N, C-alpha and C. Protein backbone atom coordinates (compact mmCIF):
# COMPACT_ATOMS: atom_id res chain seq x y z
N SER A 1 34.13 2.61 53.05
CA SER A 1 32.98 2.60 52.15
C SER A 1 33.36 4.05 50.98
N SER A 2 32.98 3.87 49.83
CA SER A 2 33.02 4.96 49.01
C SER A 2 31.78 5.62 48.48
N VAL A 3 31.88 6.54 48.08
CA VAL A 3 30.46 7.43 47.98
C VAL A 3 30.80 7.51 46.26
N ILE A 4 29.35 7.13 45.96
CA ILE A 4 29.16 7.30 44.16
C ILE A 4 28.86 8.66 44.02
N THR A 5 29.37 9.52 43.02
CA THR A 5 28.76 10.70 43.09
C THR A 5 28.06 10.45 41.51
N TYR A 6 26.99 11.35 41.02
CA TYR A 6 26.28 11.22 39.73
C TYR A 6 26.35 12.57 39.64
N PRO A 7 26.31 12.81 38.02
CA PRO A 7 26.26 14.68 37.56
C PRO A 7 24.81 15.14 37.85
N LYS A 8 24.92 16.47 38.29
CA LYS A 8 23.91 16.95 38.41
C LYS A 8 22.90 17.05 37.21
N PRO A 9 21.86 16.77 37.22
CA PRO A 9 21.14 16.97 36.14
C PRO A 9 20.64 18.24 35.59
N PRO A 10 20.85 18.42 34.15
CA PRO A 10 20.51 19.64 33.60
C PRO A 10 19.39 20.53 33.91
N THR A 11 19.29 21.65 33.83
CA THR A 11 18.34 22.68 34.00
C THR A 11 17.55 22.62 32.80
N PRO A 12 16.09 23.07 32.70
CA PRO A 12 15.50 23.30 31.83
C PRO A 12 16.23 24.01 30.70
N PHE A 13 17.25 24.92 31.13
CA PHE A 13 17.43 25.80 29.92
C PHE A 13 18.92 25.90 29.88
N ALA A 14 19.41 24.39 30.11
CA ALA A 14 20.82 23.86 29.64
C ALA A 14 21.45 23.91 28.30
N PHE A 15 20.33 23.97 27.26
CA PHE A 15 20.53 24.18 26.09
C PHE A 15 21.37 25.21 25.70
N LEU A 16 20.94 26.66 26.32
CA LEU A 16 21.42 27.84 26.38
C LEU A 16 23.17 27.70 26.49
N ARG A 17 23.62 26.86 26.71
CA ARG A 17 24.88 26.81 27.08
C ARG A 17 25.74 26.46 25.97
N TYR A 18 25.07 25.64 24.73
CA TYR A 18 25.82 25.21 23.88
C TYR A 18 26.38 26.37 22.81
N THR A 19 27.18 26.07 22.13
CA THR A 19 27.51 27.22 21.03
C THR A 19 26.68 27.15 20.13
N ALA A 20 26.82 28.41 19.07
CA ALA A 20 26.05 28.55 18.25
C ALA A 20 26.36 27.29 17.05
N GLY A 21 27.52 26.92 16.92
CA GLY A 21 27.99 25.75 16.19
C GLY A 21 27.52 24.61 16.56
N THR A 22 27.37 24.27 17.72
CA THR A 22 26.93 22.79 18.10
C THR A 22 25.08 22.93 17.98
N MET A 23 24.53 24.12 18.15
CA MET A 23 23.24 24.34 17.56
C MET A 23 22.69 24.25 16.43
N LYS A 24 23.51 24.75 15.55
CA LYS A 24 23.36 24.81 14.16
C LYS A 24 23.59 23.11 13.74
N THR A 25 24.23 22.56 14.38
CA THR A 25 24.62 20.83 13.85
C THR A 25 23.07 20.25 14.21
N PHE A 26 23.09 20.68 15.76
CA PHE A 26 21.40 19.93 16.06
C PHE A 26 20.37 20.19 15.48
N ILE A 27 20.31 21.55 14.87
CA ILE A 27 19.08 21.81 14.24
C ILE A 27 19.05 21.06 12.89
N ALA A 28 20.51 20.90 12.26
CA ALA A 28 20.34 20.44 10.67
C ALA A 28 19.89 18.74 10.98
N PHE A 29 20.43 18.29 12.00
CA PHE A 29 20.10 16.46 12.24
C PHE A 29 18.56 16.71 12.53
N ALA A 30 18.12 17.50 13.39
CA ALA A 30 16.48 17.45 13.48
C ALA A 30 15.91 17.72 12.23
N VAL A 31 16.23 18.48 11.12
CA VAL A 31 15.42 18.93 10.06
C VAL A 31 15.94 17.44 8.93
N ILE A 32 17.09 17.37 9.00
CA ILE A 32 17.43 15.63 8.33
C ILE A 32 16.39 14.73 8.67
N ALA A 33 16.44 14.46 9.94
CA ALA A 33 15.53 13.46 10.53
C ALA A 33 13.96 13.45 10.26
N SER A 34 13.90 14.50 10.38
CA SER A 34 12.10 15.05 9.87
C SER A 34 11.81 14.59 8.66
N ALA A 35 12.67 15.11 7.70
CA ALA A 35 12.59 14.94 6.23
C ALA A 35 12.81 13.53 5.82
N SER A 36 13.56 12.78 6.53
CA SER A 36 13.76 11.64 5.91
C SER A 36 12.48 10.23 6.50
N ALA A 37 11.86 10.80 7.76
CA ALA A 37 10.58 10.34 8.09
C ALA A 37 9.57 10.61 7.11
N PHE A 38 9.44 11.97 6.64
CA PHE A 38 8.49 12.37 5.75
C PHE A 38 8.32 11.51 4.31
N VAL A 39 9.81 11.58 3.70
CA VAL A 39 10.05 11.18 2.41
C VAL A 39 9.17 9.69 2.10
N PRO A 40 9.32 8.92 2.90
CA PRO A 40 9.08 7.29 2.53
C PRO A 40 7.43 7.33 2.68
N SER A 41 6.56 8.08 3.91
CA SER A 41 5.15 7.96 3.75
C SER A 41 4.77 8.79 2.56
N SER A 42 5.37 9.96 1.92
CA SER A 42 4.86 10.83 0.80
C SER A 42 4.90 9.88 -0.39
N ARG A 43 6.08 9.27 -0.52
CA ARG A 43 6.24 8.36 -1.45
C ARG A 43 5.24 7.17 -1.76
N CYS A 44 5.22 6.80 -0.42
CA CYS A 44 3.99 5.41 -0.49
C CYS A 44 2.58 5.97 -0.80
N SER A 45 2.29 7.29 -0.49
CA SER A 45 1.14 7.97 -0.81
C SER A 45 0.76 8.05 -2.00
N VAL A 46 1.93 8.47 -2.80
CA VAL A 46 1.91 8.80 -4.30
C VAL A 46 1.86 7.43 -5.04
N GLU A 47 2.31 6.21 -4.75
CA GLU A 47 2.27 4.72 -5.28
C GLU A 47 0.85 4.59 -5.02
N THR A 48 0.12 4.68 -4.14
CA THR A 48 -1.23 4.09 -3.89
C THR A 48 -2.40 5.28 -3.85
N ARG A 49 -1.69 6.58 -5.02
CA ARG A 49 -2.98 7.47 -4.48
C ARG A 49 -4.03 7.18 -5.54
N LEU A 50 -4.22 5.98 -6.43
CA LEU A 50 -5.12 5.28 -7.23
C LEU A 50 -6.32 5.13 -6.22
N PHE A 51 -6.09 4.73 -5.12
CA PHE A 51 -6.99 4.28 -4.17
C PHE A 51 -7.59 5.12 -2.87
N ASP A 52 -6.64 5.88 -2.60
CA ASP A 52 -6.98 6.83 -1.36
C ASP A 52 -7.38 5.81 -0.33
N GLY A 53 -6.70 4.58 -0.10
CA GLY A 53 -7.07 3.94 1.30
C GLY A 53 -8.40 2.87 1.14
N LYS A 54 -8.88 3.15 -0.28
CA LYS A 54 -10.19 2.41 -0.69
C LYS A 54 -9.96 1.58 -1.72
N ILE A 55 -9.90 0.68 -1.75
CA ILE A 55 -9.97 -0.21 -3.14
C ILE A 55 -10.90 -0.14 -4.21
N ASN A 56 -12.25 -0.45 -3.86
CA ASN A 56 -13.03 -0.16 -4.55
C ASN A 56 -13.99 1.32 -4.40
N ASN A 57 -13.44 1.87 -5.74
CA ASN A 57 -14.19 3.14 -5.81
C ASN A 57 -15.15 3.32 -6.87
N GLN A 58 -15.66 2.01 -7.37
CA GLN A 58 -16.67 2.28 -8.32
C GLN A 58 -17.50 1.06 -8.52
N ILE A 59 -17.64 -0.02 -8.03
CA ILE A 59 -18.52 -0.92 -8.09
C ILE A 59 -19.50 -1.07 -6.99
N ASP A 60 -20.77 -1.07 -7.22
CA ASP A 60 -21.83 -1.07 -6.10
C ASP A 60 -21.60 -0.67 -4.96
N LEU A 61 -21.39 0.50 -4.77
CA LEU A 61 -20.81 1.61 -3.54
C LEU A 61 -21.80 1.33 -2.43
N ASP A 62 -23.40 1.53 -2.81
CA ASP A 62 -24.25 1.70 -1.72
C ASP A 62 -24.34 0.15 -1.12
N SER A 63 -23.76 -1.13 -1.45
CA SER A 63 -23.86 -2.33 -0.84
C SER A 63 -22.75 -2.09 0.47
N PRO A 64 -23.16 -2.73 1.66
CA PRO A 64 -22.05 -3.02 2.33
C PRO A 64 -20.71 -3.87 2.07
N LYS A 65 -21.34 -4.84 1.28
CA LYS A 65 -20.34 -5.80 0.85
C LYS A 65 -20.54 -6.42 -0.63
N VAL A 66 -19.64 -6.22 -1.63
CA VAL A 66 -19.54 -6.78 -2.73
C VAL A 66 -19.18 -8.24 -2.85
N ALA A 67 -20.00 -9.08 -3.23
CA ALA A 67 -19.74 -10.45 -3.16
C ALA A 67 -20.45 -10.93 -4.90
N THR A 68 -19.85 -11.86 -4.99
CA THR A 68 -20.27 -12.42 -6.50
C THR A 68 -20.34 -14.01 -6.29
N MET A 69 -21.48 -14.33 -6.79
CA MET A 69 -21.56 -16.05 -6.91
C MET A 69 -21.52 -16.64 -8.35
N ASP A 70 -20.49 -17.33 -9.17
CA ASP A 70 -20.72 -17.85 -10.40
C ASP A 70 -20.39 -18.98 -10.54
N SER A 71 -20.47 -19.81 -11.59
CA SER A 71 -20.03 -21.14 -11.88
C SER A 71 -19.43 -21.13 -13.09
N VAL A 72 -18.58 -22.07 -13.30
CA VAL A 72 -17.75 -22.36 -14.58
C VAL A 72 -18.02 -23.58 -15.14
N ASP A 73 -18.54 -23.55 -16.48
CA ASP A 73 -19.30 -24.68 -17.06
C ASP A 73 -17.73 -25.84 -17.18
N GLU A 74 -18.31 -26.92 -17.42
CA GLU A 74 -17.30 -27.97 -18.06
C GLU A 74 -16.40 -27.49 -19.18
N GLY A 75 -15.01 -27.83 -19.20
CA GLY A 75 -14.32 -27.10 -20.13
C GLY A 75 -14.22 -25.57 -20.66
N SER A 76 -14.66 -25.06 -19.91
CA SER A 76 -14.57 -23.42 -19.92
C SER A 76 -13.71 -22.96 -18.84
N LYS A 77 -13.45 -21.62 -19.10
CA LYS A 77 -12.63 -20.77 -17.86
C LYS A 77 -13.60 -19.41 -18.12
N LYS A 78 -13.19 -18.73 -16.91
CA LYS A 78 -13.64 -17.43 -16.38
C LYS A 78 -12.13 -16.79 -15.94
N VAL A 79 -12.13 -15.19 -16.39
CA VAL A 79 -11.18 -14.39 -15.76
C VAL A 79 -12.13 -13.12 -15.05
N TYR A 80 -11.65 -13.23 -13.82
CA TYR A 80 -12.27 -12.26 -12.95
C TYR A 80 -11.25 -11.20 -12.96
N CYS A 81 -11.74 -9.95 -12.43
CA CYS A 81 -10.97 -9.07 -11.92
C CYS A 81 -10.54 -8.68 -10.32
N ARG A 82 -9.58 -8.36 -10.26
CA ARG A 82 -8.97 -8.24 -9.13
C ARG A 82 -8.57 -6.81 -8.56
N CYS A 83 -8.62 -5.89 -9.64
CA CYS A 83 -8.02 -4.70 -9.19
C CYS A 83 -9.46 -3.74 -9.07
N TRP A 84 -10.38 -3.77 -9.33
CA TRP A 84 -11.65 -3.16 -9.07
C TRP A 84 -11.76 -2.09 -10.18
N GLN A 85 -11.14 -1.98 -11.53
CA GLN A 85 -11.19 -1.26 -12.27
C GLN A 85 -12.04 -1.47 -13.32
N SER A 86 -12.39 -2.68 -13.47
CA SER A 86 -12.89 -3.31 -14.86
C SER A 86 -14.25 -2.67 -15.05
N GLY A 87 -14.61 -2.58 -16.17
CA GLY A 87 -15.90 -2.08 -16.80
C GLY A 87 -16.68 -3.01 -16.90
N THR A 88 -16.26 -4.43 -16.61
CA THR A 88 -17.29 -5.68 -17.03
C THR A 88 -17.05 -6.32 -15.50
N PHE A 89 -16.93 -5.88 -14.70
CA PHE A 89 -16.73 -6.41 -13.39
C PHE A 89 -17.94 -7.16 -12.84
N PRO A 90 -17.70 -8.35 -12.54
CA PRO A 90 -16.61 -9.02 -11.89
C PRO A 90 -15.53 -9.43 -13.19
N LEU A 91 -16.32 -9.80 -14.26
CA LEU A 91 -14.83 -10.04 -15.26
C LEU A 91 -13.92 -9.31 -15.58
N CYS A 92 -13.05 -9.85 -15.89
CA CYS A 92 -11.86 -9.02 -16.06
C CYS A 92 -11.87 -8.34 -17.57
N ASP A 93 -11.66 -6.83 -17.57
CA ASP A 93 -11.38 -6.41 -18.97
C ASP A 93 -9.91 -5.60 -19.41
N GLY A 94 -9.08 -6.14 -18.50
CA GLY A 94 -7.63 -5.78 -18.98
C GLY A 94 -7.42 -4.28 -18.43
N SER A 95 -8.41 -4.01 -17.52
CA SER A 95 -8.01 -2.64 -17.34
C SER A 95 -6.72 -2.64 -16.02
N HIS A 96 -6.22 -3.52 -15.68
CA HIS A 96 -5.33 -3.58 -14.60
C HIS A 96 -4.00 -3.30 -15.71
N MET A 97 -3.84 -3.71 -16.43
CA MET A 97 -2.69 -3.29 -17.44
C MET A 97 -2.27 -1.81 -17.36
N ALA A 98 -3.34 -0.99 -17.55
CA ALA A 98 -2.99 0.51 -17.47
C ALA A 98 -2.28 1.00 -16.14
N HIS A 99 -3.29 0.51 -14.86
CA HIS A 99 -2.91 0.53 -13.64
C HIS A 99 -1.16 0.11 -13.45
N ASN A 100 -0.97 -1.07 -14.11
CA ASN A 100 0.47 -1.82 -13.50
C ASN A 100 1.38 -1.26 -14.52
N LYS A 101 1.09 -0.37 -15.65
CA LYS A 101 1.93 0.65 -16.53
C LYS A 101 2.36 1.71 -15.66
N GLU A 102 1.32 2.59 -14.99
CA GLU A 102 1.34 3.75 -14.43
C GLU A 102 2.15 3.41 -13.18
N THR A 103 1.75 2.49 -12.21
CA THR A 103 2.35 2.40 -11.00
C THR A 103 3.70 1.46 -10.88
N GLY A 104 3.70 0.76 -11.54
CA GLY A 104 4.80 -0.28 -11.47
C GLY A 104 4.22 -1.47 -10.77
N ASP A 105 3.06 -1.72 -10.47
CA ASP A 105 2.42 -2.80 -9.85
C ASP A 105 2.44 -4.08 -10.72
N ASN A 106 2.09 -5.30 -10.23
CA ASN A 106 1.98 -6.32 -11.00
C ASN A 106 0.83 -7.03 -10.83
N ILE A 107 -0.48 -6.53 -10.54
CA ILE A 107 -1.63 -7.13 -10.14
C ILE A 107 -2.38 -7.71 -11.45
N GLY A 108 -2.97 -9.05 -11.62
CA GLY A 108 -3.58 -9.50 -12.62
C GLY A 108 -4.97 -10.30 -12.24
N PRO A 109 -5.64 -10.95 -13.37
CA PRO A 109 -6.79 -11.40 -13.04
C PRO A 109 -6.72 -12.84 -12.18
N LEU A 110 -7.93 -13.15 -11.56
CA LEU A 110 -7.82 -14.62 -11.13
C LEU A 110 -8.66 -15.40 -12.49
N ILE A 111 -7.89 -16.47 -12.83
CA ILE A 111 -8.56 -17.11 -14.05
C ILE A 111 -8.87 -18.50 -13.28
N VAL A 112 -10.01 -18.94 -13.58
CA VAL A 112 -10.90 -20.21 -12.96
C VAL A 112 -11.22 -21.14 -14.05
N SER A 113 -10.89 -22.26 -14.01
CA SER A 113 -11.28 -23.09 -15.36
C SER A 113 -11.91 -24.25 -14.72
N GLY A 114 -13.02 -24.66 -15.34
CA GLY A 114 -13.90 -25.74 -14.97
C GLY A 114 -13.12 -27.08 -15.35
N PRO A 115 -13.62 -28.01 -14.83
CA PRO A 115 -13.25 -29.19 -15.14
C PRO A 115 -13.20 -29.43 -16.67
N LYS A 116 -12.01 -30.38 -16.73
CA LYS A 116 -12.27 -30.86 -18.62
C LYS A 116 -12.80 -31.77 -18.79
N LYS A 117 -13.78 -31.59 -20.15
CA LYS A 117 -14.63 -32.45 -20.50
C LYS A 117 -13.66 -33.74 -20.78
N GLU A 118 -14.51 -34.90 -20.44
CA GLU A 118 -13.88 -36.28 -20.58
C GLU A 118 -14.66 -36.71 -22.15
N LYS A 119 -13.51 -37.25 -22.46
CA LYS A 119 -13.95 -37.80 -23.98
C LYS A 119 -14.69 -39.06 -23.79
N LYS A 120 -15.65 -38.90 -24.75
CA LYS A 120 -16.66 -40.26 -24.68
C LYS A 120 -16.05 -41.26 -25.46
N GLU A 121 -15.91 -42.46 -24.98
CA GLU A 121 -15.16 -43.38 -25.53
C GLU A 121 -16.60 -44.41 -26.37
N ASP A 122 -16.47 -44.31 -27.33
CA ASP A 122 -17.16 -45.74 -28.29
C ASP A 122 -17.46 -46.88 -27.80
């Protein structure tokens, strides 16, 4: 029967045996890996800095939930805000266009049309 031998596990201070060049390479790798993990998260927070984790930062802030009921008359339409920046909320005033230009986003309003009026036949 043959005996299988395994390498001896390194001691806690085994890293002291590495040369200065090996240590520099390891440190450079650690710095680059840390920086690459940080950059995407910081870029993401810059793109969403308008909201800071909260979408609604101005409409009915004391309410636990902002909900609006509305109706659309026959043959008419309404344009509703989805960016929470409108000065005429819940209706859209075009504020999303400045947000889109600043951030490269593509948000737009919700457009709701009522049923078309039927033509009266004589």
